[in-house]
Amino acid sequence: MTTNIQVRILKAICPVAADFPSESFYQGKSKLAIQCGEDFFDRIAGKTVIDFGCGEGDDAIEMARRGARRVIGFEIREELIETARRKALAAGVSETCSFESSTKELADIVISLDAFEHFADPAEILRIMNALLEPAGEAFISFGPPWHHPLGGHIFSVFPWAHLIFSEKALMRWRSTFKTDGATRFGEVAGGLNQMTIKRFTGLIQGSGFEIARLELVPIRKLRLFHNRLTREFTTAAVRCRLVKR
């Protein structure tokens, strides 16, 4: 199929981008408890935590309110940092919860939720995370959906696995009909998409200064009966892991 034909098909199926399921899933719930388990709050009690890719700071603020000694929200987008600082002030935790675009302070725990599939250079991110940890520190990473999930293309998954069926060029041309930021690659869209698969993720860990202490591949609920080592790339909803230094 030529690119022009693919673009016409995409426009016919979805003239504009559909909303991708996001934070609304966690409305009234604790994302940290769901993704890391309720015992996570016992683990961070009295410790210094870095929330890597903290966004608007909701998770960092929750950790500060639920027992962490100090929380540093790490974020490169200044507009999000300012929003997070206002939220921390309103929540009364601004003295123990700060938001920065860089830090040299070492932490007991580094956490990254729903961000790892967006980092432009995930290998470098792992190196930075490792450098920000105390020698006995640990990192928690949770992200999803991975790239081969039916909706792993986020807005590009106009139907299940559409991002694997249509070419990147066609999908970006389709997107350009309602977005005017000039992006021509998945990695150039707002937030970025690095096409993170389970195989690539575990390979990055093997080549990093970390080793996996625990790896959980959460199956898509409706496909859990088909979820196994051979099918996991296509039937995994979320990747959750705990890393320790080598």
C-alpha atoms as a PDB file:
ATOM      1  CA  MET A   1       0.000   0.000   0.000  1.00  0.00           C
ATOM      2  CA  THR A   2       1.380   3.404  -0.927  1.00  0.00           C
ATOM      3  CA  THR A   3       1.575   6.175   1.624  1.00  0.00           C
ATOM      4  CA  ASN A   4      -1.178   8.181  -0.086  1.00  0.00           C
ATOM      5  CA  ILE A   5      -3.590   5.254   0.059  1.00  0.00           C
ATOM      6  CA  GLN A   6      -2.763   4.624   3.711  1.00  0.00           C
ATOM      7  CA  VAL A   7      -3.394   8.276   4.561  1.00  0.00           C
ATOM      8  CA  ARG A   8      -6.776   8.220   2.816  1.00  0.00           C
ATOM      9  CA  ILE A   9      -7.770   5.102   4.741  1.00  0.00           C
ATOM     10  CA  LEU A  10      -6.710   6.676   8.036  1.00  0.00           C
ATOM     11  CA  LYS A  11      -8.673   9.855   7.305  1.00  0.00           C
ATOM     12  CA  ALA A  12     -11.756   7.822   6.449  1.00  0.00           C
ATOM     13  CA  ILE A  13     -11.505   5.761   9.632  1.00  0.00           C
ATOM     14  CA  CYS A  14     -10.629   8.635  11.959  1.00  0.00           C
ATOM     15  CA  PRO A  15     -10.791  12.214  10.606  1.00  0.00           C
ATOM     16  CA  VAL A  16      -9.301  13.522  13.890  1.00  0.00           C
ATOM     17  CA  ALA A  17      -7.398  11.870  16.711  1.00  0.00           C
ATOM     18  CA  ALA A  18      -9.435   9.971  19.276  1.00  0.00           C
ATOM     19  CA  ASP A  19      -8.737  10.575  22.942  1.00  0.00           C
ATOM     20  CA  PHE A  20      -6.213   8.140  24.367  1.00  0.00           C
ATOM     21  CA  PRO A  21      -7.063   6.699  27.807  1.00  0.00           C
ATOM     22  CA  SER A  22      -5.031   8.640  30.343  1.00  0.00           C
ATOM     23  CA  GLU A  23      -5.094   9.836  33.923  1.00  0.00           C
ATOM     24  CA  SER A  24      -8.891   9.612  33.984  1.00  0.00           C
ATOM     25  CA  PHE A  25      -8.425   5.884  34.627  1.00  0.00           C
ATOM     26  CA  TYR A  26      -6.976   6.746  38.040  1.00  0.00           C
ATOM     27  CA  GLN A  27      -9.691   9.243  38.995  1.00  0.00           C
ATOM     28  CA  GLY A  28     -10.326   8.812  42.697  1.00  0.00           C
ATOM     29  CA  LYS A  29      -7.630   6.108  42.929  1.00  0.00           C
ATOM     30  CA  SER A  30      -3.946   6.054  43.817  1.00  0.00           C
ATOM     31  CA  LYS A  31      -1.814   5.384  40.756  1.00  0.00           C
ATOM     32  CA  LEU A  32       1.087   4.562  43.062  1.00  0.00           C
ATOM     33  CA  ALA A  33      -0.909   1.941  44.957  1.00  0.00           C
ATOM     34  CA  ILE A  34      -2.194   0.377  41.719  1.00  0.00           C
ATOM     35  CA  GLN A  35       1.143   0.266  39.937  1.00  0.00           C
ATOM     36  CA  CYS A  36       3.517  -0.324  42.850  1.00  0.00           C
ATOM     37  CA  GLY A  37       1.305  -2.000  45.452  1.00  0.00           C
ATOM     38  CA  GLU A  38       0.086  -0.695  48.808  1.00  0.00           C
ATOM     39  CA  ASP A  39       3.337  -1.803  50.464  1.00  0.00           C
ATOM     40  CA  PHE A  40       5.145   0.817  48.369  1.00  0.00           C
ATOM     41  CA  PHE A  41       4.235   3.477  50.924  1.00  0.00           C
ATOM     42  CA  ASP A  42       5.890   1.438  53.667  1.00  0.00           C
ATOM     43  CA  ARG A  43       8.984   1.165  51.458  1.00  0.00           C
ATOM     44  CA  ILE A  44       9.302   4.947  50.979  1.00  0.00           C
ATOM     45  CA  ALA A  45       8.608   5.880  54.609  1.00  0.00           C
ATOM     46  CA  GLY A  46      11.360   8.179  55.890  1.00  0.00           C
ATOM     47  CA  LYS A  47      13.289   8.020  52.616  1.00  0.00           C
ATOM     48  CA  THR A  48      14.307  10.400  49.862  1.00  0.00           C
ATOM     49  CA  VAL A  49      12.498   9.711  46.593  1.00  0.00           C
ATOM     50  CA  ILE A  50      13.000  11.109  43.096  1.00  0.00           C
ATOM     51  CA  ASP A  51       9.948  11.018  40.834  1.00  0.00           C
ATOM     52  CA  PHE A  52      11.566  10.899  37.385  1.00  0.00           C
ATOM     53  CA  GLY A  53       9.293  12.470  34.771  1.00  0.00           C
ATOM     54  CA  CYS A  54       6.877  13.722  37.419  1.00  0.00           C
ATOM     55  CA  GLY A  55       4.567  15.709  35.129  1.00  0.00           C
ATOM     56  CA  GLU A  56       2.279  17.937  37.177  1.00  0.00           C
ATOM     57  CA  GLY A  57       3.496  16.388  40.418  1.00  0.00           C
ATOM     58  CA  ASP A  58       0.462  14.495  41.705  1.00  0.00           C
ATOM     59  CA  ASP A  59       2.389  11.313  42.507  1.00  0.00           C
ATOM     60  CA  ALA A  60       5.265  13.211  44.117  1.00  0.00           C
ATOM     61  CA  ILE A  61       2.814  15.103  46.314  1.00  0.00           C
ATOM     62  CA  GLU A  62       1.090  11.867  47.325  1.00  0.00           C
ATOM     63  CA  MET A  63       4.439  10.337  48.334  1.00  0.00           C
ATOM     64  CA  ALA A  64       5.241  13.419  50.423  1.00  0.00           C
ATOM     65  CA  ARG A  65       1.883  13.168  52.144  1.00  0.00           C
ATOM     66  CA  ARG A  66       2.226   9.449  52.762  1.00  0.00           C
ATOM     67  CA  GLY A  67       5.502   9.226  54.579  1.00  0.00           C
ATOM     68  CA  ALA A  68       8.491  10.030  52.353  1.00  0.00           C
ATOM     69  CA  ARG A  69      11.066  12.178  54.133  1.00  0.00           C
ATOM     70  CA  ARG A  70      11.800  14.149  50.975  1.00  0.00           C
ATOM     71  CA  VAL A  71      10.483  13.982  47.417  1.00  0.00           C
ATOM     72  CA  ILE A  72      12.098  15.561  44.372  1.00  0.00           C
ATOM     73  CA  GLY A  73       9.971  15.791  41.263  1.00  0.00           C
ATOM     74  CA  PHE A  74      12.237  15.659  38.201  1.00  0.00           C
ATOM     75  CA  GLU A  75      10.760  17.163  35.026  1.00  0.00           C
ATOM     76  CA  ILE A  76      12.237  18.941  31.987  1.00  0.00           C
ATOM     77  CA  ARG A  77       9.093  20.856  30.966  1.00  0.00           C
ATOM     78  CA  GLU A  78       9.113  24.162  32.849  1.00  0.00           C
ATOM     79  CA  GLU A  79       5.364  24.726  32.530  1.00  0.00           C
ATOM     80  CA  LEU A  80       4.718  21.421  34.313  1.00  0.00           C
ATOM     81  CA  ILE A  81       7.255  22.247  37.020  1.00  0.00           C
ATOM     82  CA  GLU A  82       5.447  25.503  37.778  1.00  0.00           C
ATOM     83  CA  THR A  83       2.097  23.700  37.942  1.00  0.00           C
ATOM     84  CA  ALA A  84       3.569  21.055  40.252  1.00  0.00           C
ATOM     85  CA  ARG A  85       5.028  23.689  42.577  1.00  0.00           C
ATOM     86  CA  ARG A  86       1.640  25.392  42.871  1.00  0.00           C
ATOM     87  CA  LYS A  87      -0.014  22.071  43.664  1.00  0.00           C
ATOM     88  CA  ALA A  88       2.585  21.241  46.329  1.00  0.00           C
ATOM     89  CA  LEU A  89       2.062  24.642  47.959  1.00  0.00           C
ATOM     90  CA  ALA A  90      -1.718  24.149  47.967  1.00  0.00           C
ATOM     91  CA  ALA A  91      -1.275  20.657  49.444  1.00  0.00           C
ATOM     92  CA  GLY A  92       0.954  21.986  52.224  1.00  0.00           C
ATOM     93  CA  VAL A  93       3.976  19.859  51.292  1.00  0.00           C
ATOM     94  CA  SER A  94       6.191  22.409  49.550  1.00  0.00           C
ATOM     95  CA  GLU A  95       8.854  22.133  52.271  1.00  0.00           C
ATOM     96  CA  THR A  96       9.350  18.394  51.731  1.00  0.00           C
ATOM     97  CA  CYS A  97       8.389  18.156  48.057  1.00  0.00           C
ATOM     98  CA  SER A  98      10.273  20.192  45.444  1.00  0.00           C
ATOM     99  CA  PHE A  99      10.273  20.164  41.661  1.00  0.00           C
ATOM    100  CA  GLU A 100      13.385  20.641  39.575  1.00  0.00           C
ATOM    101  CA  SER A 101      14.710  20.236  36.031  1.00  0.00           C
ATOM    102  CA  SER A 102      18.022  18.954  37.395  1.00  0.00           C
ATOM    103  CA  THR A 103      19.377  17.707  40.702  1.00  0.00           C
ATOM    104  CA  LYS A 104      22.585  16.320  42.182  1.00  0.00           C
ATOM    105  CA  GLU A 105      20.895  15.107  45.343  1.00  0.00           C
ATOM    106  CA  LEU A 106      21.067  11.336  45.800  1.00  0.00           C
ATOM    107  CA  ALA A 107      17.938   9.351  46.602  1.00  0.00           C
ATOM    108  CA  ASP A 108      17.060   6.064  48.237  1.00  0.00           C
ATOM    109  CA  ILE A 109      14.437   5.396  45.581  1.00  0.00           C
ATOM    110  CA  VAL A 110      13.912   6.613  42.029  1.00  0.00           C
ATOM    111  CA  ILE A 111      10.475   6.021  40.536  1.00  0.00           C
ATOM    112  CA  SER A 112       9.213   6.452  36.975  1.00  0.00           C
ATOM    113  CA  LEU A 113       5.535   5.927  36.185  1.00  0.00           C
ATOM    114  CA  ASP A 114       4.042   5.968  32.672  1.00  0.00           C
ATOM    115  CA  ALA A 115       7.044   7.763  31.219  1.00  0.00           C
ATOM    116  CA  PHE A 116       9.569   5.225  29.993  1.00  0.00           C
ATOM    117  CA  GLU A 117       7.889   4.737  26.611  1.00  0.00           C
ATOM    118  CA  HIS A 118       8.289   8.481  25.990  1.00  0.00           C
ATOM    119  CA  PHE A 119      11.981   9.096  26.722  1.00  0.00           C
ATOM    120  CA  ALA A 120      13.991   9.962  23.606  1.00  0.00           C
ATOM    121  CA  ASP A 121      17.130   8.273  24.967  1.00  0.00           C
ATOM    122  CA  PRO A 122      16.015   5.620  27.493  1.00  0.00           C
ATOM    123  CA  ALA A 123      19.538   4.194  27.882  1.00  0.00           C
ATOM    124  CA  GLU A 124      20.763   7.609  29.023  1.00  0.00           C
ATOM    125  CA  ILE A 125      17.771   7.912  31.353  1.00  0.00           C
ATOM    126  CA  LEU A 126      18.760   4.650  33.035  1.00  0.00           C
ATOM    127  CA  ARG A 127      22.304   5.954  33.436  1.00  0.00           C
ATOM    128  CA  ILE A 128      21.014   9.158  35.050  1.00  0.00           C
ATOM    129  CA  MET A 129      18.663   7.225  37.337  1.00  0.00           C
ATOM    130  CA  ASN A 130      21.546   5.015  38.447  1.00  0.00           C
ATOM    131  CA  ALA A 131      23.744   8.028  39.140  1.00  0.00           C
ATOM    132  CA  LEU A 132      21.018   9.624  41.280  1.00  0.00           C
ATOM    133  CA  LEU A 133      20.736   6.609  43.580  1.00  0.00           C
ATOM    134  CA  GLU A 134      22.551   5.827  46.796  1.00  0.00           C
ATOM    135  CA  PRO A 135      24.635   2.604  46.526  1.00  0.00           C
ATOM    136  CA  ALA A 136      21.866   0.560  48.164  1.00  0.00           C
ATOM    137  CA  GLY A 137      19.104   2.407  46.322  1.00  0.00           C
ATOM    138  CA  GLU A 138      16.476   0.957  44.017  1.00  0.00           C
ATOM    139  CA  ALA A 139      14.436   2.102  41.047  1.00  0.00           C
ATOM    140  CA  PHE A 140      10.797   1.401  40.285  1.00  0.00           C
ATOM    141  CA  ILE A 141       9.730   1.643  36.647  1.00  0.00           C
ATOM    142  CA  SER A 142       6.200   1.109  35.416  1.00  0.00           C
ATOM    143  CA  PHE A 143       4.973   1.924  31.937  1.00  0.00           C
ATOM    144  CA  GLY A 144       2.392   0.873  29.437  1.00  0.00           C
ATOM    145  CA  PRO A 145       1.110   0.089  27.022  1.00  0.00           C
ATOM    146  CA  PRO A 146       4.294  -1.221  25.361  1.00  0.00           C
ATOM    147  CA  TRP A 147       4.653  -0.687  21.628  1.00  0.00           C
ATOM    148  CA  HIS A 148       3.155  -4.015  20.477  1.00  0.00           C
ATOM    149  CA  HIS A 149       0.046  -3.650  22.652  1.00  0.00           C
ATOM    150  CA  PRO A 150      -3.127  -3.156  20.550  1.00  0.00           C
ATOM    151  CA  LEU A 151      -3.098   0.524  21.574  1.00  0.00           C
ATOM    152  CA  GLY A 152       0.664   0.850  21.945  1.00  0.00           C
ATOM    153  CA  GLY A 153       0.751   3.638  19.378  1.00  0.00           C
ATOM    154  CA  HIS A 154      -1.352   5.887  21.614  1.00  0.00           C
ATOM    155  CA  ILE A 155      -3.186   8.317  19.300  1.00  0.00           C
ATOM    156  CA  PHE A 156      -1.809   6.434  16.282  1.00  0.00           C
ATOM    157  CA  SER A 157      -3.766   3.312  17.263  1.00  0.00           C
ATOM    158  CA  VAL A 158      -6.938   4.383  15.483  1.00  0.00           C
ATOM    159  CA  PHE A 159      -7.887   0.722  15.744  1.00  0.00           C
ATOM    160  CA  PRO A 160      -5.985  -2.128  17.461  1.00  0.00           C
ATOM    161  CA  TRP A 161      -2.429  -2.461  16.112  1.00  0.00           C
ATOM    162  CA  ALA A 162      -2.997   0.243  13.473  1.00  0.00           C
ATOM    163  CA  HIS A 163       0.398   1.721  14.392  1.00  0.00           C
ATOM    164  CA  LEU A 164       2.013  -1.576  13.301  1.00  0.00           C
ATOM    165  CA  ILE A 165      -0.030  -1.909  10.086  1.00  0.00           C
ATOM    166  CA  PHE A 166       0.401   1.603   8.706  1.00  0.00           C
ATOM    167  CA  SER A 167       3.780   3.193   8.060  1.00  0.00           C
ATOM    168  CA  GLU A 168       5.178   5.915  10.293  1.00  0.00           C
ATOM    169  CA  LYS A 169       5.175   8.269   7.309  1.00  0.00           C
ATOM    170  CA  ALA A 170       1.466   7.689   6.638  1.00  0.00           C
ATOM    171  CA  LEU A 171       0.521   8.025  10.300  1.00  0.00           C
ATOM    172  CA  MET A 172       2.449  11.268  10.666  1.00  0.00           C
ATOM    173  CA  ARG A 173       0.856  12.693   7.514  1.00  0.00           C
ATOM    174  CA  TRP A 174      -2.567  11.751   8.893  1.00  0.00           C
ATOM    175  CA  ARG A 175      -1.698  13.467  12.185  1.00  0.00           C
ATOM    176  CA  SER A 176      -0.566  16.608  10.342  1.00  0.00           C
ATOM    177  CA  THR A 177      -4.164  17.193   9.191  1.00  0.00           C
ATOM    178  CA  PHE A 178      -5.144  18.175  12.738  1.00  0.00           C
ATOM    179  CA  LYS A 179      -1.778  18.968  14.389  1.00  0.00           C
ATOM    180  CA  THR A 180       0.419  21.807  13.171  1.00  0.00           C
ATOM    181  CA  ASP A 181       3.606  21.281  15.198  1.00  0.00           C
ATOM    182  CA  GLY A 182       5.569  20.023  12.168  1.00  0.00           C
ATOM    183  CA  ALA A 183       6.413  16.612  13.709  1.00  0.00           C
ATOM    184  CA  THR A 184       7.420  13.995  11.129  1.00  0.00           C
ATOM    185  CA  ARG A 185       8.509  11.129  13.436  1.00  0.00           C
ATOM    186  CA  PHE A 186       6.890   9.371  16.383  1.00  0.00           C
ATOM    187  CA  GLY A 187       9.630  10.698  18.637  1.00  0.00           C
ATOM    188  CA  GLU A 188       8.845  14.309  17.695  1.00  0.00           C
ATOM    189  CA  VAL A 189       5.220  14.406  18.859  1.00  0.00           C
ATOM    190  CA  ALA A 190       4.353  16.045  22.164  1.00  0.00           C
ATOM    191  CA  GLY A 191       5.665  13.726  24.863  1.00  0.00           C
ATOM    192  CA  GLY A 192       7.431  11.577  22.270  1.00  0.00           C
ATOM    193  CA  LEU A 193       7.025   7.861  21.537  1.00  0.00           C
ATOM    194  CA  ASN A 194      10.163   5.720  21.482  1.00  0.00           C
ATOM    195  CA  GLN A 195       8.419   2.489  20.361  1.00  0.00           C
ATOM    196  CA  MET A 196       9.417   0.680  23.559  1.00  0.00           C
ATOM    197  CA  THR A 197       8.908  -3.080  23.422  1.00  0.00           C
ATOM    198  CA  ILE A 198       9.426  -5.581  26.232  1.00  0.00           C
ATOM    199  CA  LYS A 199      12.435  -7.079  24.463  1.00  0.00           C
ATOM    200  CA  ARG A 200      14.042  -3.673  23.999  1.00  0.00           C
ATOM    201  CA  PHE A 201      13.339  -2.692  27.598  1.00  0.00           C
ATOM    202  CA  THR A 202      14.914  -5.811  29.100  1.00  0.00           C
ATOM    203  CA  GLY A 203      17.851  -5.422  26.723  1.00  0.00           C
ATOM    204  CA  LEU A 204      18.385  -1.849  27.918  1.00  0.00           C
ATOM    205  CA  ILE A 205      18.405  -3.040  31.526  1.00  0.00           C
ATOM    206  CA  GLN A 206      21.001  -5.710  30.705  1.00  0.00           C
ATOM    207  CA  GLY A 207      23.239  -3.036  29.213  1.00  0.00           C
ATOM    208  CA  SER A 208      22.799  -0.642  32.123  1.00  0.00           C
ATOM    209  CA  GLY A 209      24.187  -0.380  35.627  1.00  0.00           C
ATOM    210  CA  PHE A 210      21.034  -2.036  36.942  1.00  0.00           C
ATOM    211  CA  GLU A 211      19.829  -5.577  37.334  1.00  0.00           C
ATOM    212  CA  ILE A 212      16.221  -6.691  37.595  1.00  0.00           C
ATOM    213  CA  ALA A 213      15.102  -7.601  41.107  1.00  0.00           C
ATOM    214  CA  ARG A 214      11.489  -8.145  40.019  1.00  0.00           C
ATOM    215  CA  LEU A 215       9.751  -7.992  36.646  1.00  0.00           C
ATOM    216  CA  GLU A 216       5.977  -8.153  36.266  1.00  0.00           C
ATOM    217  CA  LEU A 217       4.274  -8.211  32.876  1.00  0.00           C
ATOM    218  CA  VAL A 218       0.620  -7.383  33.456  1.00  0.00           C
ATOM    219  CA  PRO A 219      -1.559  -9.090  30.819  1.00  0.00           C
ATOM    220  CA  ILE A 220      -4.394  -7.438  28.951  1.00  0.00           C
ATOM    221  CA  ARG A 221      -7.417  -8.622  30.910  1.00  0.00           C
ATOM    222  CA  LYS A 222      -9.326  -9.978  27.917  1.00  0.00           C
ATOM    223  CA  LEU A 223      -6.220 -11.716  26.573  1.00  0.00           C
ATOM    224  CA  ARG A 224      -4.813 -13.088  29.828  1.00  0.00           C
ATOM    225  CA  LEU A 225      -5.526 -16.711  28.815  1.00  0.00           C
ATOM    226  CA  PHE A 226      -3.267 -16.230  25.793  1.00  0.00           C
ATOM    227  CA  HIS A 227      -0.514 -14.416  27.685  1.00  0.00           C
ATOM    228  CA  ASN A 228       2.785 -16.316  27.727  1.00  0.00           C
ATOM    229  CA  ARG A 229       6.438 -15.852  26.845  1.00  0.00           C
ATOM    230  CA  LEU A 230       5.755 -16.236  23.119  1.00  0.00           C
ATOM    231  CA  THR A 231       2.795 -13.828  22.972  1.00  0.00           C
ATOM    232  CA  ARG A 232       3.744 -11.354  25.688  1.00  0.00           C
ATOM    233  CA  GLU A 233       4.768  -8.550  23.333  1.00  0.00           C
ATOM    234  CA  PHE A 234       1.196  -8.423  22.000  1.00  0.00           C
ATOM    235  CA  THR A 235      -0.758  -9.307  25.159  1.00  0.00           C
ATOM    236  CA  THR A 236       0.978  -7.242  27.860  1.00  0.00           C
ATOM    237  CA  ALA A 237      -0.840  -4.174  29.153  1.00  0.00           C
ATOM    238  CA  ALA A 238       1.888  -2.841  31.437  1.00  0.00           C
ATOM    239  CA  VAL A 239       5.492  -3.491  32.409  1.00  0.00           C
ATOM    240  CA  ARG A 240       6.411  -3.102  36.078  1.00  0.00           C
ATOM    241  CA  CYS A 241       9.832  -3.719  37.540  1.00  0.00           C
ATOM    242  CA  ARG A 242      12.094  -3.057  40.481  1.00  0.00           C
ATOM    243  CA  LEU A 243      15.765  -2.491  39.724  1.00  0.00           C
ATOM    244  CA  VAL A 244      18.804  -2.539  41.963  1.00  0.00           C
ATOM    245  CA  LYS A 245      22.366  -1.484  41.271  1.00  0.00           C
ATOM    246  CA  ARG A 246      24.787  -4.128  40.026  1.00  0.00           C
END
